[in-house]
Amino acid sequence: MRKIFKQKSATSKLLKKLINCIQDVNKSSEEKKEQIDSLMEGGIPSKFKSLLKKQHSGEQGIITKVLQVEARKADEEYDSNEKISSFVQDKIVKYSGSALDLIDDWDI
């Protein structure tokens, strides 16, 4: 039980960092992409990955949808040439290990 709580806490922190990065108006698309890359490759993602790999779990669907919605909002608000939302989706797929199962969760 404690391990699950720690995973959720770590995932929540990572999710907040990713959303803050996506929403940052002072960063260019390129800077956002670099930060998203570094966040996804840092120490927390092993826990994030394990949650993403649990296909059809409510938590995984929520994480995926929240990131996608926030990234789409950033694309619309800042009209970036290089879309952040597709970059975020690519990262989710890359770190989940199961692209086809995740794509089903993307019909928002």
PDB file of N, CA and C in Angstrom:
ATOM      1  N   MET A   1       0.829  -1.196   0.000  1.00  0.00           N
ATOM      2  CA  MET A   1       0.000   0.000   0.000  1.00  0.00           C
ATOM      3  C   MET A   1       0.873   1.260   0.000  1.00  0.00           C
ATOM      4  N   ARG A   2       1.923   1.222   0.787  1.00  0.00           N
ATOM      5  CA  ARG A   2       2.819   2.375   0.879  1.00  0.00           C
ATOM      6  C   ARG A   2       3.505   2.645  -0.460  1.00  0.00           C
ATOM      7  N   LYS A   3       3.884   1.563  -1.156  1.00  0.00           N
ATOM      8  CA  LYS A   3       4.555   1.690  -2.450  1.00  0.00           C
ATOM      9  C   LYS A   3       3.622   2.362  -3.464  1.00  0.00           C
ATOM     10  N   ILE A   4       2.358   1.976  -3.458  1.00  0.00           N
ATOM     11  CA  ILE A   4       1.375   2.566  -4.373  1.00  0.00           C
ATOM     12  C   ILE A   4       1.235   4.060  -4.079  1.00  0.00           C
ATOM     13  N   PHE A   5       1.180   4.418  -2.799  1.00  0.00           N
ATOM     14  CA  PHE A   5       1.063   5.829  -2.428  1.00  0.00           C
ATOM     15  C   PHE A   5       2.271   6.614  -2.920  1.00  0.00           C
ATOM     16  N   LYS A   6       3.460   6.039  -2.752  1.00  0.00           N
ATOM     17  CA  LYS A   6       4.677   6.714  -3.211  1.00  0.00           C
ATOM     18  C   LYS A   6       4.661   6.887  -4.723  1.00  0.00           C
ATOM     19  N   GLN A   7       4.179   5.865  -5.445  1.00  0.00           N
ATOM     20  CA  GLN A   7       4.099   5.967  -6.902  1.00  0.00           C
ATOM     21  C   GLN A   7       3.153   7.090  -7.301  1.00  0.00           C
ATOM     22  N   LYS A   8       2.002   7.156  -6.660  1.00  0.00           N
ATOM     23  CA  LYS A   8       1.023   8.191  -7.003  1.00  0.00           C
ATOM     24  C   LYS A   8       1.578   9.572  -6.686  1.00  0.00           C
ATOM     25  N   SER A   9       2.270   9.687  -5.559  1.00  0.00           N
ATOM     26  CA  SER A   9       2.844  10.964  -5.166  1.00  0.00           C
ATOM     27  C   SER A   9       3.915  11.405  -6.166  1.00  0.00           C
ATOM     28  N   ALA A  10       4.792  10.487  -6.540  1.00  0.00           N
ATOM     29  CA  ALA A  10       5.846  10.797  -7.512  1.00  0.00           C
ATOM     30  C   ALA A  10       5.241  11.137  -8.866  1.00  0.00           C
ATOM     31  N   THR A  11       4.218  10.401  -9.254  1.00  0.00           N
ATOM     32  CA  THR A  11       3.558  10.650 -10.534  1.00  0.00           C
ATOM     33  C   THR A  11       2.873  12.008 -10.511  1.00  0.00           C
ATOM     34  N   SER A  12       2.233  12.327  -9.402  1.00  0.00           N
ATOM     35  CA  SER A  12       1.560  13.613  -9.262  1.00  0.00           C
ATOM     36  C   SER A  12       2.562  14.762  -9.375  1.00  0.00           C
ATOM     37  N   LYS A  13       3.719  14.617  -8.738  1.00  0.00           N
ATOM     38  CA  LYS A  13       4.753  15.658  -8.813  1.00  0.00           C
ATOM     39  C   LYS A  13       5.253  15.817 -10.242  1.00  0.00           C
ATOM     40  N   LEU A  14       5.488  14.701 -10.914  1.00  0.00           N
ATOM     41  CA  LEU A  14       5.957  14.759 -12.300  1.00  0.00           C
ATOM     42  C   LEU A  14       4.896  15.406 -13.182  1.00  0.00           C
ATOM     43  N   LEU A  15       3.658  15.008 -12.989  1.00  0.00           N
ATOM     44  CA  LEU A  15       2.558  15.556 -13.783  1.00  0.00           C
ATOM     45  C   LEU A  15       2.477  17.076 -13.595  1.00  0.00           C
ATOM     46  N   LYS A  16       2.600  17.546 -12.352  1.00  0.00           N
ATOM     47  CA  LYS A  16       2.568  18.987 -12.086  1.00  0.00           C
ATOM     48  C   LYS A  16       3.721  19.692 -12.793  1.00  0.00           C
ATOM     49  N   LYS A  17       4.917  19.090 -12.740  1.00  0.00           N
ATOM     50  CA  LYS A  17       6.074  19.698 -13.407  1.00  0.00           C
ATOM     51  C   LYS A  17       5.864  19.762 -14.916  1.00  0.00           C
ATOM     52  N   LEU A  18       5.330  18.689 -15.487  1.00  0.00           N
ATOM     53  CA  LEU A  18       5.086  18.664 -16.933  1.00  0.00           C
ATOM     54  C   LEU A  18       4.047  19.713 -17.323  1.00  0.00           C
ATOM     55  N   ILE A  19       2.966  19.811 -16.553  1.00  0.00           N
ATOM     56  CA  ILE A  19       1.917  20.795 -16.854  1.00  0.00           C
ATOM     57  C   ILE A  19       2.463  22.217 -16.717  1.00  0.00           C
ATOM     58  N   ASN A  20       3.239  22.466 -15.662  1.00  0.00           N
ATOM     59  CA  ASN A  20       3.834  23.800 -15.497  1.00  0.00           C
ATOM     60  C   ASN A  20       4.726  24.149 -16.677  1.00  0.00           C
ATOM     61  N   CYS A  21       5.491  23.181 -17.136  1.00  0.00           N
ATOM     62  CA  CYS A  21       6.362  23.394 -18.288  1.00  0.00           C
ATOM     63  C   CYS A  21       5.537  23.706 -19.531  1.00  0.00           C
ATOM     64  N   ILE A  22       4.498  22.915 -19.781  1.00  0.00           N
ATOM     65  CA  ILE A  22       3.653  23.092 -20.967  1.00  0.00           C
ATOM     66  C   ILE A  22       2.987  24.470 -20.949  1.00  0.00           C
ATOM     67  N   GLN A  23       2.568  24.925 -19.768  1.00  0.00           N
ATOM     68  CA  GLN A  23       1.821  26.182 -19.659  1.00  0.00           C
ATOM     69  C   GLN A  23       2.705  27.422 -19.576  1.00  0.00           C
ATOM     70  N   ASP A  24       4.010  27.257 -19.446  1.00  0.00           N
ATOM     71  CA  ASP A  24       4.919  28.391 -19.259  1.00  0.00           C
ATOM     72  C   ASP A  24       4.955  29.286 -20.495  1.00  0.00           C
ATOM     73  N   VAL A  25       4.425  30.507 -20.353  1.00  0.00           N
ATOM     74  CA  VAL A  25       4.351  31.418 -21.502  1.00  0.00           C
ATOM     75  C   VAL A  25       5.711  32.026 -21.848  1.00  0.00           C
ATOM     76  N   ASN A  26       6.656  31.952 -20.930  1.00  0.00           N
ATOM     77  CA  ASN A  26       7.965  32.566 -21.160  1.00  0.00           C
ATOM     78  C   ASN A  26       8.946  31.649 -21.880  1.00  0.00           C
ATOM     79  N   LYS A  27       8.519  30.448 -22.211  1.00  0.00           N
ATOM     80  CA  LYS A  27       9.419  29.499 -22.874  1.00  0.00           C
ATOM     81  C   LYS A  27       8.994  29.279 -24.314  1.00  0.00           C
ATOM     82  N   SER A  28       9.979  29.092 -25.171  1.00  0.00           N
ATOM     83  CA  SER A  28       9.686  28.761 -26.569  1.00  0.00           C
ATOM     84  C   SER A  28       9.310  27.284 -26.651  1.00  0.00           C
ATOM     85  N   SER A  29       8.762  26.879 -27.787  1.00  0.00           N
ATOM     86  CA  SER A  29       8.421  25.464 -27.991  1.00  0.00           C
ATOM     87  C   SER A  29       9.651  24.592 -27.788  1.00  0.00           C
ATOM     88  N   GLU A  30      10.774  25.051 -28.302  1.00  0.00           N
ATOM     89  CA  GLU A  30      12.013  24.267 -28.203  1.00  0.00           C
ATOM     90  C   GLU A  30      12.431  24.090 -26.746  1.00  0.00           C
ATOM     91  N   GLU A  31      12.346  25.172 -25.958  1.00  0.00           N
ATOM     92  CA  GLU A  31      12.701  25.096 -24.538  1.00  0.00           C
ATOM     93  C   GLU A  31      11.761  24.149 -23.797  1.00  0.00           C
ATOM     94  N   LYS A  32      10.473  24.219 -24.132  1.00  0.00           N
ATOM     95  CA  LYS A  32       9.501  23.326 -23.500  1.00  0.00           C
ATOM     96  C   LYS A  32       9.834  21.876 -23.827  1.00  0.00           C
ATOM     97  N   LYS A  33      10.150  21.614 -25.085  1.00  0.00           N
ATOM     98  CA  LYS A  33      10.465  20.247 -25.500  1.00  0.00           C
ATOM     99  C   LYS A  33      11.689  19.719 -24.763  1.00  0.00           C
ATOM    100  N   GLU A  34      12.706  20.566 -24.619  1.00  0.00           N
ATOM    101  CA  GLU A  34      13.912  20.145 -23.896  1.00  0.00           C
ATOM    102  C   GLU A  34      13.581  19.821 -22.445  1.00  0.00           C
ATOM    103  N   GLN A  35      12.763  20.665 -21.813  1.00  0.00           N
ATOM    104  CA  GLN A  35      12.414  20.423 -20.411  1.00  0.00           C
ATOM    105  C   GLN A  35      11.557  19.167 -20.266  1.00  0.00           C
ATOM    106  N   ILE A  36      10.611  18.963 -21.171  1.00  0.00           N
ATOM    107  CA  ILE A  36       9.778  17.757 -21.123  1.00  0.00           C
ATOM    108  C   ILE A  36      10.665  16.526 -21.266  1.00  0.00           C
ATOM    109  N   ASP A  37      11.609  16.591 -22.207  1.00  0.00           N
ATOM    110  CA  ASP A  37      12.565  15.497 -22.400  1.00  0.00           C
ATOM    111  C   ASP A  37      13.309  15.192 -21.115  1.00  0.00           C
ATOM    112  N   SER A  38      13.853  16.233 -20.484  1.00  0.00           N
ATOM    113  CA  SER A  38      14.653  16.002 -19.285  1.00  0.00           C
ATOM    114  C   SER A  38      13.791  15.494 -18.131  1.00  0.00           C
ATOM    115  N   LEU A  39      12.547  15.990 -18.024  1.00  0.00           N
ATOM    116  CA  LEU A  39      11.656  15.493 -16.972  1.00  0.00           C
ATOM    117  C   LEU A  39      11.325  14.019 -17.184  1.00  0.00           C
ATOM    118  N   MET A  40      11.076  13.646 -18.435  1.00  0.00           N
ATOM    119  CA  MET A  40      10.703  12.264 -18.728  1.00  0.00           C
ATOM    120  C   MET A  40      11.885  11.310 -18.587  1.00  0.00           C
ATOM    121  N   GLU A  41      13.103  11.837 -18.656  1.00  0.00           N
ATOM    122  CA  GLU A  41      14.277  10.972 -18.542  1.00  0.00           C
ATOM    123  C   GLU A  41      14.912  11.044 -17.159  1.00  0.00           C
ATOM    124  N   GLY A  42      14.319  11.818 -16.251  1.00  0.00           N
ATOM    125  CA  GLY A  42      14.880  11.991 -14.911  1.00  0.00           C
ATOM    126  C   GLY A  42      14.615  10.805 -13.998  1.00  0.00           C
ATOM    127  N   GLY A  43      14.683  11.055 -12.688  1.00  0.00           N
ATOM    128  CA  GLY A  43      14.553   9.979 -11.720  1.00  0.00           C
ATOM    129  C   GLY A  43      13.131   9.508 -11.472  1.00  0.00           C
ATOM    130  N   ILE A  44      12.142  10.374 -11.614  1.00  0.00           N
ATOM    131  CA  ILE A  44      10.758  10.023 -11.305  1.00  0.00           C
ATOM    132  C   ILE A  44      10.141   9.092 -12.348  1.00  0.00           C
ATOM    133  N   PRO A  45      10.483   9.218 -13.646  1.00  0.00           N
ATOM    134  CA  PRO A  45       9.741   8.472 -14.659  1.00  0.00           C
ATOM    135  C   PRO A  45       9.678   6.958 -14.520  1.00  0.00           C
ATOM    136  N   SER A  46      10.588   6.319 -13.784  1.00  0.00           N
ATOM    137  CA  SER A  46      10.454   4.866 -13.642  1.00  0.00           C
ATOM    138  C   SER A  46       9.110   4.551 -12.981  1.00  0.00           C
ATOM    139  N   LYS A  47       8.724   5.362 -12.021  1.00  0.00           N
ATOM    140  CA  LYS A  47       7.424   5.174 -11.369  1.00  0.00           C
ATOM    141  C   LYS A  47       6.301   5.604 -12.307  1.00  0.00           C
ATOM    142  N   PHE A  48       6.534   6.685 -13.031  1.00  0.00           N
ATOM    143  CA  PHE A  48       5.562   7.175 -14.003  1.00  0.00           C
ATOM    144  C   PHE A  48       5.338   6.120 -15.081  1.00  0.00           C
ATOM    145  N   LYS A  49       6.451   5.533 -15.570  1.00  0.00           N
ATOM    146  CA  LYS A  49       6.359   4.497 -16.607  1.00  0.00           C
ATOM    147  C   LYS A  49       5.555   3.310 -16.119  1.00  0.00           C
ATOM    148  N   SER A  50       5.815   2.879 -14.875  1.00  0.00           N
ATOM    149  CA  SER A  50       5.116   1.688 -14.382  1.00  0.00           C
ATOM    150  C   SER A  50       3.612   1.941 -14.326  1.00  0.00           C
ATOM    151  N   LEU A  51       3.216   3.168 -14.004  1.00  0.00           N
ATOM    152  CA  LEU A  51       1.786   3.477 -13.995  1.00  0.00           C
ATOM    153  C   LEU A  51       1.230   3.539 -15.409  1.00  0.00           C
ATOM    154  N   LEU A  52       2.008   4.107 -16.336  1.00  0.00           N
ATOM    155  CA  LEU A  52       1.547   4.173 -17.719  1.00  0.00           C
ATOM    156  C   LEU A  52       1.402   2.781 -18.323  1.00  0.00           C
ATOM    157  N   LYS A  53       2.267   1.854 -17.896  1.00  0.00           N
ATOM    158  CA  LYS A  53       2.237   0.502 -18.465  1.00  0.00           C
ATOM    159  C   LYS A  53       1.037  -0.305 -17.983  1.00  0.00           C
ATOM    160  N   LYS A  54       0.420   0.114 -16.883  1.00  0.00           N
ATOM    161  CA  LYS A  54      -0.760  -0.605 -16.386  1.00  0.00           C
ATOM    162  C   LYS A  54      -1.930  -0.250 -17.290  1.00  0.00           C
ATOM    163  N   GLN A  55      -2.057  -0.973 -18.371  1.00  0.00           N
ATOM    164  CA  GLN A  55      -3.084  -0.656 -19.365  1.00  0.00           C
ATOM    165  C   GLN A  55      -4.476  -0.775 -18.761  1.00  0.00           C
ATOM    166  N   HIS A  56      -5.353   0.100 -19.214  1.00  0.00           N
ATOM    167  CA  HIS A  56      -6.749   0.144 -18.802  1.00  0.00           C
ATOM    168  C   HIS A  56      -6.927   0.511 -17.334  1.00  0.00           C
ATOM    169  N   SER A  57      -5.870   1.016 -16.683  1.00  0.00           N
ATOM    170  CA  SER A  57      -6.057   1.465 -15.303  1.00  0.00           C
ATOM    171  C   SER A  57      -6.540   2.905 -15.347  1.00  0.00           C
ATOM    172  N   GLY A  58      -7.369   3.272 -14.402  1.00  0.00           N
ATOM    173  CA  GLY A  58      -7.905   4.626 -14.369  1.00  0.00           C
ATOM    174  C   GLY A  58      -6.809   5.669 -14.262  1.00  0.00           C
ATOM    175  N   GLU A  59      -5.798   5.384 -13.463  1.00  0.00           N
ATOM    176  CA  GLU A  59      -4.707   6.339 -13.235  1.00  0.00           C
ATOM    177  C   GLU A  59      -3.985   6.654 -14.539  1.00  0.00           C
ATOM    178  N   GLN A  60      -3.685   5.617 -15.306  1.00  0.00           N
ATOM    179  CA  GLN A  60      -2.963   5.803 -16.573  1.00  0.00           C
ATOM    180  C   GLN A  60      -3.772   6.660 -17.529  1.00  0.00           C
ATOM    181  N   GLY A  61      -5.070   6.398 -17.603  1.00  0.00           N
ATOM    182  CA  GLY A  61      -5.921   7.170 -18.494  1.00  0.00           C
ATOM    183  C   GLY A  61      -5.986   8.633 -18.093  1.00  0.00           C
ATOM    184  N   ILE A  62      -6.046   8.874 -16.788  1.00  0.00           N
ATOM    185  CA  ILE A  62      -6.108  10.247 -16.287  1.00  0.00           C
ATOM    186  C   ILE A  62      -4.823  10.996 -16.621  1.00  0.00           C
ATOM    187  N   ILE A  63      -3.685  10.371 -16.367  1.00  0.00           N
ATOM    188  CA  ILE A  63      -2.396  11.012 -16.653  1.00  0.00           C
ATOM    189  C   ILE A  63      -2.298  11.370 -18.127  1.00  0.00           C
ATOM    190  N   THR A  64      -2.607  10.415 -18.977  1.00  0.00           N
ATOM    191  CA  THR A  64      -2.515  10.623 -20.423  1.00  0.00           C
ATOM    192  C   THR A  64      -3.430  11.756 -20.861  1.00  0.00           C
ATOM    193  N   LYS A  65      -4.672  11.733 -20.398  1.00  0.00           N
ATOM    194  CA  LYS A  65      -5.645  12.740 -20.832  1.00  0.00           C
ATOM    195  C   LYS A  65      -5.311  14.125 -20.299  1.00  0.00           C
ATOM    196  N   VAL A  66      -4.881  14.204 -19.049  1.00  0.00           N
ATOM    197  CA  VAL A  66      -4.527  15.509 -18.482  1.00  0.00           C
ATOM    198  C   VAL A  66      -3.378  16.123 -19.272  1.00  0.00           C
ATOM    199  N   LEU A  67      -2.347  15.327 -19.541  1.00  0.00           N
ATOM    200  CA  LEU A  67      -1.210  15.851 -20.303  1.00  0.00           C
ATOM    201  C   LEU A  67      -1.638  16.280 -21.695  1.00  0.00           C
ATOM    202  N   GLN A  68      -2.478  15.475 -22.325  1.00  0.00           N
ATOM    203  CA  GLN A  68      -2.897  15.809 -23.684  1.00  0.00           C
ATOM    204  C   GLN A  68      -3.739  17.086 -23.706  1.00  0.00           C
ATOM    205  N   VAL A  69      -4.677  17.199 -22.773  1.00  0.00           N
ATOM    206  CA  VAL A  69      -5.534  18.385 -22.716  1.00  0.00           C
ATOM    207  C   VAL A  69      -4.690  19.637 -22.476  1.00  0.00           C
ATOM    208  N   GLU A  70      -3.756  19.564 -21.524  1.00  0.00           N
ATOM    209  CA  GLU A  70      -2.915  20.728 -21.220  1.00  0.00           C
ATOM    210  C   GLU A  70      -2.055  21.104 -22.421  1.00  0.00           C
ATOM    211  N   ALA A  71      -1.523  20.108 -23.101  1.00  0.00           N
ATOM    212  CA  ALA A  71      -0.679  20.376 -24.263  1.00  0.00           C
ATOM    213  C   ALA A  71      -1.493  21.007 -25.388  1.00  0.00           C
ATOM    214  N   ARG A  72      -2.717  20.528 -25.583  1.00  0.00           N
ATOM    215  CA  ARG A  72      -3.577  21.116 -26.619  1.00  0.00           C
ATOM    216  C   ARG A  72      -3.915  22.564 -26.294  1.00  0.00           C
ATOM    217  N   LYS A  73      -4.191  22.831 -24.998  1.00  0.00           N
ATOM    218  CA  LYS A  73      -4.480  24.206 -24.584  1.00  0.00           C
ATOM    219  C   LYS A  73      -3.286  25.104 -24.894  1.00  0.00           C
ATOM    220  N   ALA A  74      -2.086  24.610 -24.594  1.00  0.00           N
ATOM    221  CA  ALA A  74      -0.871  25.389 -24.862  1.00  0.00           C
ATOM    222  C   ALA A  74      -0.736  25.649 -26.354  1.00  0.00           C
ATOM    223  N   ASP A  75      -1.014  24.646 -27.175  1.00  0.00           N
ATOM    224  CA  ASP A  75      -0.940  24.822 -28.632  1.00  0.00           C
ATOM    225  C   ASP A  75      -1.903  25.909 -29.091  1.00  0.00           C
ATOM    226  N   GLU A  76      -3.128  25.894 -28.560  1.00  0.00           N
ATOM    227  CA  GLU A  76      -4.142  26.870 -28.981  1.00  0.00           C
ATOM    228  C   GLU A  76      -3.805  28.272 -28.489  1.00  0.00           C
ATOM    229  N   GLU A  77      -3.370  28.371 -27.233  1.00  0.00           N
ATOM    230  CA  GLU A  77      -3.106  29.685 -26.649  1.00  0.00           C
ATOM    231  C   GLU A  77      -1.896  30.366 -27.268  1.00  0.00           C
ATOM    232  N   TYR A  78      -0.846  29.611 -27.508  1.00  0.00           N
ATOM    233  CA  TYR A  78       0.408  30.241 -27.915  1.00  0.00           C
ATOM    234  C   TYR A  78       0.700  30.039 -29.386  1.00  0.00           C
ATOM    235  N   ASP A  79      -0.176  29.310 -30.091  1.00  0.00           N
ATOM    236  CA  ASP A  79      -0.065  29.123 -31.532  1.00  0.00           C
ATOM    237  C   ASP A  79       1.373  28.812 -31.951  1.00  0.00           C
ATOM    238  N   SER A  80       1.953  27.810 -31.310  1.00  0.00           N
ATOM    239  CA  SER A  80       3.348  27.474 -31.603  1.00  0.00           C
ATOM    240  C   SER A  80       3.459  26.790 -32.958  1.00  0.00           C
ATOM    241  N   ASN A  81       4.555  27.054 -33.649  1.00  0.00           N
ATOM    242  CA  ASN A  81       4.780  26.429 -34.957  1.00  0.00           C
ATOM    243  C   ASN A  81       4.950  24.930 -34.808  1.00  0.00           C
ATOM    244  N   GLU A  82       5.747  24.542 -33.813  1.00  0.00           N
ATOM    245  CA  GLU A  82       5.936  23.117 -33.562  1.00  0.00           C
ATOM    246  C   GLU A  82       5.011  22.751 -32.409  1.00  0.00           C
ATOM    247  N   LYS A  83       4.067  21.887 -32.687  1.00  0.00           N
ATOM    248  CA  LYS A  83       3.030  21.583 -31.704  1.00  0.00           C
ATOM    249  C   LYS A  83       3.581  20.822 -30.498  1.00  0.00           C
ATOM    250  N   ILE A  84       3.305  21.354 -29.317  1.00  0.00           N
ATOM    251  CA  ILE A  84       3.718  20.713 -28.069  1.00  0.00           C
ATOM    252  C   ILE A  84       2.898  19.445 -27.840  1.00  0.00           C
ATOM    253  N   SER A  85       1.596  19.450 -28.212  1.00  0.00           N
ATOM    254  CA  SER A  85       0.735  18.304 -27.905  1.00  0.00           C
ATOM    255  C   SER A  85       1.224  17.027 -28.579  1.00  0.00           C
ATOM    256  N   SER A  86       1.644  17.116 -29.848  1.00  0.00           N
ATOM    257  CA  SER A  86       2.117  15.897 -30.519  1.00  0.00           C
ATOM    258  C   SER A  86       3.436  15.443 -29.907  1.00  0.00           C
ATOM    259  N   PHE A  87       4.253  16.402 -29.468  1.00  0.00           N
ATOM    260  CA  PHE A  87       5.517  16.061 -28.814  1.00  0.00           C
ATOM    261  C   PHE A  87       5.249  15.332 -27.498  1.00  0.00           C
ATOM    262  N   VAL A  88       4.297  15.845 -26.713  1.00  0.00           N
ATOM    263  CA  VAL A  88       3.945  15.208 -25.440  1.00  0.00           C
ATOM    264  C   VAL A  88       3.406  13.799 -25.689  1.00  0.00           C
ATOM    265  N   GLN A  89       2.551  13.641 -26.696  1.00  0.00           N
ATOM    266  CA  GLN A  89       2.021  12.312 -27.014  1.00  0.00           C
ATOM    267  C   GLN A  89       3.146  11.355 -27.387  1.00  0.00           C
ATOM    268  N   ASP A  90       4.096  11.833 -28.181  1.00  0.00           N
ATOM    269  CA  ASP A  90       5.234  10.991 -28.553  1.00  0.00           C
ATOM    270  C   ASP A  90       6.004  10.544 -27.320  1.00  0.00           C
ATOM    271  N   LYS A  91       6.175  11.466 -26.362  1.00  0.00           N
ATOM    272  CA  LYS A  91       6.900  11.125 -25.133  1.00  0.00           C
ATOM    273  C   LYS A  91       6.125  10.087 -24.325  1.00  0.00           C
ATOM    274  N   ILE A  92       4.806  10.266 -24.226  1.00  0.00           N
ATOM    275  CA  ILE A  92       3.995   9.307 -23.468  1.00  0.00           C
ATOM    276  C   ILE A  92       4.125   7.926 -24.097  1.00  0.00           C
ATOM    277  N   VAL A  93       4.050   7.870 -25.421  1.00  0.00           N
ATOM    278  CA  VAL A  93       4.180   6.588 -26.117  1.00  0.00           C
ATOM    279  C   VAL A  93       5.566   6.006 -25.892  1.00  0.00           C
ATOM    280  N   LYS A  94       6.589   6.836 -26.034  1.00  0.00           N
ATOM    281  CA  LYS A  94       7.971   6.362 -25.895  1.00  0.00           C
ATOM    282  C   LYS A  94       8.202   5.743 -24.521  1.00  0.00           C
ATOM    283  N   TYR A  95       7.693   6.404 -23.488  1.00  0.00           N
ATOM    284  CA  TYR A  95       7.957   5.926 -22.138  1.00  0.00           C
ATOM    285  C   TYR A  95       6.932   4.930 -21.623  1.00  0.00           C
ATOM    286  N   SER A  96       5.872   4.702 -22.356  1.00  0.00           N
ATOM    287  CA  SER A  96       4.873   3.741 -21.893  1.00  0.00           C
ATOM    288  C   SER A  96       5.214   2.336 -22.345  1.00  0.00           C
ATOM    289  N   GLY A  97       5.830   2.220 -23.526  1.00  0.00           N
ATOM    290  CA  GLY A  97       6.165   0.909 -24.057  1.00  0.00           C
ATOM    291  C   GLY A  97       4.998   0.224 -24.739  1.00  0.00           C
ATOM    292  N   SER A  98       3.850   0.876 -24.825  1.00  0.00           N
ATOM    293  CA  SER A  98       2.703   0.234 -25.450  1.00  0.00           C
ATOM    294  C   SER A  98       1.865   1.266 -26.194  1.00  0.00           C
ATOM    295  N   ALA A  99       2.334   1.666 -27.343  1.00  0.00           N
ATOM    296  CA  ALA A  99       1.717   2.761 -28.096  1.00  0.00           C
ATOM    297  C   ALA A  99       0.268   2.476 -28.468  1.00  0.00           C
ATOM    298  N   LEU A 100      -0.018   1.295 -28.953  1.00  0.00           N
ATOM    299  CA  LEU A 100      -1.366   1.005 -29.453  1.00  0.00           C
ATOM    300  C   LEU A 100      -2.417   1.093 -28.360  1.00  0.00           C
ATOM    301  N   ASP A 101      -2.090   0.589 -27.172  1.00  0.00           N
ATOM    302  CA  ASP A 101      -3.055   0.647 -26.074  1.00  0.00           C
ATOM    303  C   ASP A 101      -3.295   2.079 -25.624  1.00  0.00           C
ATOM    304  N   LEU A 102      -2.247   2.903 -25.648  1.00  0.00           N
ATOM    305  CA  LEU A 102      -2.411   4.284 -25.205  1.00  0.00           C
ATOM    306  C   LEU A 102      -3.216   5.111 -26.193  1.00  0.00           C
ATOM    307  N   ILE A 103      -3.059   4.838 -27.476  1.00  0.00           N
ATOM    308  CA  ILE A 103      -3.758   5.621 -28.493  1.00  0.00           C
ATOM    309  C   ILE A 103      -5.268   5.563 -28.264  1.00  0.00           C
ATOM    310  N   ASP A 104      -5.773   4.419 -27.785  1.00  0.00           N
ATOM    311  CA  ASP A 104      -7.207   4.288 -27.488  1.00  0.00           C
ATOM    312  C   ASP A 104      -7.662   5.303 -26.447  1.00  0.00           C
ATOM    313  N   ASP A 105      -6.781   5.673 -25.536  1.00  0.00           N
ATOM    314  CA  ASP A 105      -7.140   6.624 -24.481  1.00  0.00           C
ATOM    315  C   ASP A 105      -7.100   8.066 -24.963  1.00  0.00           C
ATOM    316  N   TRP A 106      -6.693   8.296 -26.187  1.00  0.00           N
ATOM    317  CA  TRP A 106      -6.509   9.668 -26.647  1.00  0.00           C
ATOM    318  C   TRP A 106      -7.741  10.282 -27.285  1.00  0.00           C
ATOM    319  N   ASP A 107      -8.880   9.551 -27.366  1.00  0.00           N
ATOM    320  CA  ASP A 107     -10.057  10.212 -27.934  1.00  0.00           C
ATOM    321  C   ASP A 107     -10.722  10.996 -26.834  1.00  0.00           C
ATOM    322  N   ILE A 108     -10.397  12.238 -26.763  1.00  0.00           N
ATOM    323  CA  ILE A 108     -10.959  13.085 -25.698  1.00  0.00           C
ATOM    324  C   ILE A 108     -12.202  13.759 -26.229  1.00  0.00           C
TER     325      ILE A 108
END
